[in-house]
Amino acid sequence: MHINPQIWQWTALTLALMGCVATLVWLLGHRRPTAEELERERRLRLVSYGRLVDGMLVDAMEVPGTDASAALDETHAARLMLLYQYEIAGVTYECAQDVSTLSEALQPGLIQVGLPCSVRYQPGSPENSIVVAETWIGLRSAAARRETRHEGDFLRSHARIRRSTQAAG
């Protein structure tokens, strides 16, 4: 059976054209995540899979906004940064986290510098860490609102159950 070479050429051209159109539609319709969305995903990933280590809250400071949105939006004029340090395998890490967008989980006026804190870090990359996220707070002060401290409530109730079973046995 002999197929006309011209049919193969037209078929290949049609498929290539369809591929180009599909790629163009995808590029125009595909929205890239913003920097804030990427940061939120990073925090949620660390809450889900990050390891815990004890650290120390070294400083809390307001840094003037430098991006173009700061000039237009007064809420981003100053960024609240938490500076903290922790040690893993003999290496001391000192990191900062911008917590300006986490005002619903944190009361900035009640942050107390110099207190211990819990740090969540990525096991393969310990410099990737957080002390505050939307659903988790590692600060041990009055700055953390009670509604978001589900883990602490669970651990306290678990400890009470354990004490009552030990006393009974």
C-alpha atoms as a PDB file:
ATOM      1  CA  MET A   1       0.000   0.000   0.000  1.00  0.00           C
ATOM      2  CA  HIS A   2       1.438   3.340  -1.061  1.00  0.00           C
ATOM      3  CA  ILE A   3       0.476   6.577   0.749  1.00  0.00           C
ATOM      4  CA  ASN A   4       0.942   9.863  -0.972  1.00  0.00           C
ATOM      5  CA  PRO A   5       3.878  11.794   0.627  1.00  0.00           C
ATOM      6  CA  GLN A   6       1.890  15.005   0.282  1.00  0.00           C
ATOM      7  CA  ILE A   7      -0.738  13.674   2.740  1.00  0.00           C
ATOM      8  CA  TRP A   8       2.028  13.034   5.323  1.00  0.00           C
ATOM      9  CA  GLN A   9       3.307  16.581   4.889  1.00  0.00           C
ATOM     10  CA  TRP A  10      -0.163  18.083   5.351  1.00  0.00           C
ATOM     11  CA  THR A  11      -0.819  15.869   8.386  1.00  0.00           C
ATOM     12  CA  ALA A  12       2.487  16.845  10.005  1.00  0.00           C
ATOM     13  CA  LEU A  13       1.862  20.527   9.279  1.00  0.00           C
ATOM     14  CA  THR A  14      -1.656  20.326  10.750  1.00  0.00           C
ATOM     15  CA  LEU A  15      -0.428  18.586  13.919  1.00  0.00           C
ATOM     16  CA  ALA A  16       2.389  21.113  14.372  1.00  0.00           C
ATOM     17  CA  LEU A  17      -0.052  24.001  13.918  1.00  0.00           C
ATOM     18  CA  MET A  18      -2.469  22.473  16.439  1.00  0.00           C
ATOM     19  CA  GLY A  19       0.397  22.038  18.922  1.00  0.00           C
ATOM     20  CA  CYS A  20       1.422  25.680  18.507  1.00  0.00           C
ATOM     21  CA  VAL A  21      -2.154  26.874  19.019  1.00  0.00           C
ATOM     22  CA  ALA A  22      -2.563  24.694  22.123  1.00  0.00           C
ATOM     23  CA  THR A  23       0.718  25.996  23.566  1.00  0.00           C
ATOM     24  CA  LEU A  24      -0.303  29.593  22.883  1.00  0.00           C
ATOM     25  CA  VAL A  25      -3.709  29.092  24.529  1.00  0.00           C
ATOM     26  CA  TRP A  26      -2.049  27.528  27.584  1.00  0.00           C
ATOM     27  CA  LEU A  27       0.519  30.334  27.897  1.00  0.00           C
ATOM     28  CA  LEU A  28      -2.116  33.044  27.628  1.00  0.00           C
ATOM     29  CA  GLY A  29      -4.531  31.336  30.011  1.00  0.00           C
ATOM     30  CA  HIS A  30      -1.994  30.117  32.549  1.00  0.00           C
ATOM     31  CA  ARG A  31      -1.679  32.461  35.517  1.00  0.00           C
ATOM     32  CA  ARG A  32       1.577  32.305  37.405  1.00  0.00           C
ATOM     33  CA  PRO A  33       1.339  32.392  41.189  1.00  0.00           C
ATOM     34  CA  THR A  34       2.275  35.645  42.895  1.00  0.00           C
ATOM     35  CA  ALA A  35       5.126  35.897  45.386  1.00  0.00           C
ATOM     36  CA  GLU A  36       2.617  36.034  48.254  1.00  0.00           C
ATOM     37  CA  GLU A  37       0.908  32.843  47.027  1.00  0.00           C
ATOM     38  CA  LEU A  38       4.255  31.051  46.758  1.00  0.00           C
ATOM     39  CA  GLU A  39       5.196  32.163  50.294  1.00  0.00           C
ATOM     40  CA  ARG A  40       1.838  30.969  51.668  1.00  0.00           C
ATOM     41  CA  GLU A  41       2.354  27.555  49.992  1.00  0.00           C
ATOM     42  CA  ARG A  42       5.867  27.350  51.496  1.00  0.00           C
ATOM     43  CA  ARG A  43       4.523  28.074  54.998  1.00  0.00           C
ATOM     44  CA  LEU A  44       1.727  25.499  54.668  1.00  0.00           C
ATOM     45  CA  ARG A  45       4.179  22.895  53.357  1.00  0.00           C
ATOM     46  CA  LEU A  46       6.485  23.492  56.353  1.00  0.00           C
ATOM     47  CA  VAL A  47       3.550  23.197  58.769  1.00  0.00           C
ATOM     48  CA  SER A  48       2.585  19.869  57.176  1.00  0.00           C
ATOM     49  CA  TYR A  49       6.021  18.272  56.735  1.00  0.00           C
ATOM     50  CA  GLY A  50       8.542  20.378  58.649  1.00  0.00           C
ATOM     51  CA  ARG A  51      10.424  19.166  61.695  1.00  0.00           C
ATOM     52  CA  LEU A  52      10.294  21.024  65.003  1.00  0.00           C
ATOM     53  CA  VAL A  53      13.282  22.405  66.875  1.00  0.00           C
ATOM     54  CA  ASP A  54      13.633  24.855  69.767  1.00  0.00           C
ATOM     55  CA  GLY A  55      14.849  28.321  68.922  1.00  0.00           C
ATOM     56  CA  MET A  56      15.041  31.827  70.321  1.00  0.00           C
ATOM     57  CA  LEU A  57      13.198  34.941  69.163  1.00  0.00           C
ATOM     58  CA  VAL A  58      16.038  37.452  68.810  1.00  0.00           C
ATOM     59  CA  ASP A  59      14.237  40.555  67.531  1.00  0.00           C
ATOM     60  CA  ALA A  60      10.973  41.873  66.134  1.00  0.00           C
ATOM     61  CA  MET A  61      11.264  44.937  63.932  1.00  0.00           C
ATOM     62  CA  GLU A  62       9.328  46.976  61.426  1.00  0.00           C
ATOM     63  CA  VAL A  63      11.076  47.428  58.100  1.00  0.00           C
ATOM     64  CA  PRO A  64       9.891  50.134  55.706  1.00  0.00           C
ATOM     65  CA  GLY A  65       8.311  48.753  52.528  1.00  0.00           C
ATOM     66  CA  THR A  66      10.520  49.018  49.454  1.00  0.00           C
ATOM     67  CA  ASP A  67       8.307  47.642  46.708  1.00  0.00           C
ATOM     68  CA  ALA A  68       6.040  49.637  44.410  1.00  0.00           C
ATOM     69  CA  SER A  69       2.897  48.435  46.205  1.00  0.00           C
ATOM     70  CA  ALA A  70       4.070  50.157  49.396  1.00  0.00           C
ATOM     71  CA  ALA A  71       3.724  53.542  47.737  1.00  0.00           C
ATOM     72  CA  LEU A  72       0.149  52.766  46.679  1.00  0.00           C
ATOM     73  CA  ASP A  73      -1.072  50.760  49.652  1.00  0.00           C
ATOM     74  CA  GLU A  74      -0.585  52.080  53.190  1.00  0.00           C
ATOM     75  CA  THR A  75      -1.088  48.634  54.758  1.00  0.00           C
ATOM     76  CA  HIS A  76       2.174  47.440  53.164  1.00  0.00           C
ATOM     77  CA  ALA A  77       4.128  50.571  54.093  1.00  0.00           C
ATOM     78  CA  ALA A  78       5.995  48.755  56.895  1.00  0.00           C
ATOM     79  CA  ARG A  79       6.716  45.026  57.153  1.00  0.00           C
ATOM     80  CA  LEU A  80       6.853  43.260  60.519  1.00  0.00           C
ATOM     81  CA  MET A  81       9.897  40.978  60.575  1.00  0.00           C
ATOM     82  CA  LEU A  82      10.723  38.376  63.227  1.00  0.00           C
ATOM     83  CA  LEU A  83      14.402  37.503  63.625  1.00  0.00           C
ATOM     84  CA  TYR A  84      15.040  34.125  65.245  1.00  0.00           C
ATOM     85  CA  GLN A  85      17.833  31.613  65.625  1.00  0.00           C
ATOM     86  CA  TYR A  86      18.041  27.868  66.148  1.00  0.00           C
ATOM     87  CA  GLU A  87      20.635  25.125  66.101  1.00  0.00           C
ATOM     88  CA  ILE A  88      20.615  21.889  64.104  1.00  0.00           C
ATOM     89  CA  ALA A  89      23.491  19.395  64.181  1.00  0.00           C
ATOM     90  CA  GLY A  90      25.854  21.940  65.729  1.00  0.00           C
ATOM     91  CA  VAL A  91      25.115  24.625  63.121  1.00  0.00           C
ATOM     92  CA  THR A  92      23.411  27.827  64.286  1.00  0.00           C
ATOM     93  CA  TYR A  93      20.946  29.342  61.834  1.00  0.00           C
ATOM     94  CA  GLU A  94      19.694  32.907  62.086  1.00  0.00           C
ATOM     95  CA  CYS A  95      16.644  33.651  59.954  1.00  0.00           C
ATOM     96  CA  ALA A  96      13.998  36.321  59.491  1.00  0.00           C
ATOM     97  CA  GLN A  97      10.338  35.891  58.597  1.00  0.00           C
ATOM     98  CA  ASP A  98       7.964  38.544  57.300  1.00  0.00           C
ATOM     99  CA  VAL A  99       4.760  38.143  59.326  1.00  0.00           C
ATOM    100  CA  SER A 100       2.938  41.232  58.043  1.00  0.00           C
ATOM    101  CA  THR A 101       0.315  39.172  56.230  1.00  0.00           C
ATOM    102  CA  LEU A 102      -0.361  36.964  59.268  1.00  0.00           C
ATOM    103  CA  SER A 103      -2.099  39.563  61.442  1.00  0.00           C
ATOM    104  CA  GLU A 104      -5.161  37.314  61.954  1.00  0.00           C
ATOM    105  CA  ALA A 105      -2.980  34.663  63.620  1.00  0.00           C
ATOM    106  CA  LEU A 106      -0.663  37.009  65.501  1.00  0.00           C
ATOM    107  CA  GLN A 107      -0.992  40.041  67.774  1.00  0.00           C
ATOM    108  CA  PRO A 108       2.094  42.116  66.863  1.00  0.00           C
ATOM    109  CA  GLY A 109       1.876  44.384  69.916  1.00  0.00           C
ATOM    110  CA  LEU A 110       2.310  41.427  72.279  1.00  0.00           C
ATOM    111  CA  ILE A 111       5.430  39.849  70.741  1.00  0.00           C
ATOM    112  CA  GLN A 112       8.106  39.411  73.413  1.00  0.00           C
ATOM    113  CA  VAL A 113      11.714  39.281  72.259  1.00  0.00           C
ATOM    114  CA  GLY A 114      14.124  36.981  74.087  1.00  0.00           C
ATOM    115  CA  LEU A 115      11.669  34.152  74.707  1.00  0.00           C
ATOM    116  CA  PRO A 116      12.159  30.635  73.379  1.00  0.00           C
ATOM    117  CA  CYS A 117      10.124  29.662  70.325  1.00  0.00           C
ATOM    118  CA  SER A 118       9.450  26.583  68.231  1.00  0.00           C
ATOM    119  CA  VAL A 119      10.801  26.578  64.687  1.00  0.00           C
ATOM    120  CA  ARG A 120       9.579  24.394  61.834  1.00  0.00           C
ATOM    121  CA  TYR A 121      12.263  23.650  59.242  1.00  0.00           C
ATOM    122  CA  GLN A 122      12.667  21.576  56.095  1.00  0.00           C
ATOM    123  CA  PRO A 123      14.729  18.453  56.887  1.00  0.00           C
ATOM    124  CA  GLY A 124      16.889  18.551  53.748  1.00  0.00           C
ATOM    125  CA  SER A 125      17.295  22.317  53.847  1.00  0.00           C
ATOM    126  CA  PRO A 126      17.328  23.541  57.473  1.00  0.00           C
ATOM    127  CA  GLU A 127      17.649  27.207  56.497  1.00  0.00           C
ATOM    128  CA  ASN A 128      14.106  27.010  55.095  1.00  0.00           C
ATOM    129  CA  SER A 129      12.143  27.642  58.294  1.00  0.00           C
ATOM    130  CA  ILE A 130       9.222  29.493  59.884  1.00  0.00           C
ATOM    131  CA  VAL A 131       7.988  30.462  63.347  1.00  0.00           C
ATOM    132  CA  VAL A 132       4.482  31.578  62.325  1.00  0.00           C
ATOM    133  CA  ALA A 133       1.975  30.306  59.754  1.00  0.00           C
ATOM    134  CA  GLU A 134      -1.753  30.571  59.181  1.00  0.00           C
ATOM    135  CA  THR A 135      -2.542  27.457  61.261  1.00  0.00           C
ATOM    136  CA  TRP A 136       0.514  27.172  63.525  1.00  0.00           C
ATOM    137  CA  ILE A 137       2.385  29.536  65.845  1.00  0.00           C
ATOM    138  CA  GLY A 138       5.730  28.710  67.409  1.00  0.00           C
ATOM    139  CA  LEU A 139       5.898  31.798  69.631  1.00  0.00           C
ATOM    140  CA  ARG A 140       5.535  31.111  73.337  1.00  0.00           C
ATOM    141  CA  SER A 141       3.979  34.363  74.430  1.00  0.00           C
ATOM    142  CA  ALA A 142       0.709  36.241  74.594  1.00  0.00           C
ATOM    143  CA  ALA A 143       1.190  37.211  70.930  1.00  0.00           C
ATOM    144  CA  ALA A 144      -0.396  33.964  69.778  1.00  0.00           C
ATOM    145  CA  ARG A 145      -4.165  34.011  69.663  1.00  0.00           C
ATOM    146  CA  ARG A 146      -5.764  31.062  71.404  1.00  0.00           C
ATOM    147  CA  GLU A 147      -7.947  29.987  68.457  1.00  0.00           C
ATOM    148  CA  THR A 148      -4.963  28.881  66.344  1.00  0.00           C
ATOM    149  CA  ARG A 149      -3.183  26.828  69.018  1.00  0.00           C
ATOM    150  CA  HIS A 150      -4.918  23.503  68.362  1.00  0.00           C
ATOM    151  CA  GLU A 151      -1.714  21.477  68.720  1.00  0.00           C
ATOM    152  CA  GLY A 152      -1.019  22.795  72.221  1.00  0.00           C
ATOM    153  CA  ASP A 153      -4.583  22.052  73.335  1.00  0.00           C
ATOM    154  CA  PHE A 154      -4.296  18.519  71.951  1.00  0.00           C
ATOM    155  CA  LEU A 155      -0.968  17.913  73.706  1.00  0.00           C
ATOM    156  CA  ARG A 156      -2.289  19.266  77.018  1.00  0.00           C
ATOM    157  CA  SER A 157      -5.397  17.049  76.888  1.00  0.00           C
ATOM    158  CA  HIS A 158      -3.221  14.082  75.885  1.00  0.00           C
ATOM    159  CA  ALA A 159      -0.937  14.709  78.881  1.00  0.00           C
ATOM    160  CA  ARG A 160      -3.964  14.818  81.230  1.00  0.00           C
ATOM    161  CA  ILE A 161      -5.205  11.478  79.877  1.00  0.00           C
ATOM    162  CA  ARG A 162      -1.739   9.974  80.294  1.00  0.00           C
ATOM    163  CA  ARG A 163      -1.460  11.241  83.912  1.00  0.00           C
ATOM    164  CA  SER A 164      -4.911   9.904  84.803  1.00  0.00           C
ATOM    165  CA  THR A 165      -4.129   6.448  83.363  1.00  0.00           C
ATOM    166  CA  GLN A 166      -0.789   6.336  85.187  1.00  0.00           C
ATOM    167  CA  ALA A 167      -2.473   7.290  88.482  1.00  0.00           C
ATOM    168  CA  ALA A 168      -5.103   4.593  87.987  1.00  0.00           C
ATOM    169  CA  GLY A 169      -2.534   1.889  87.139  1.00  0.00           C
END
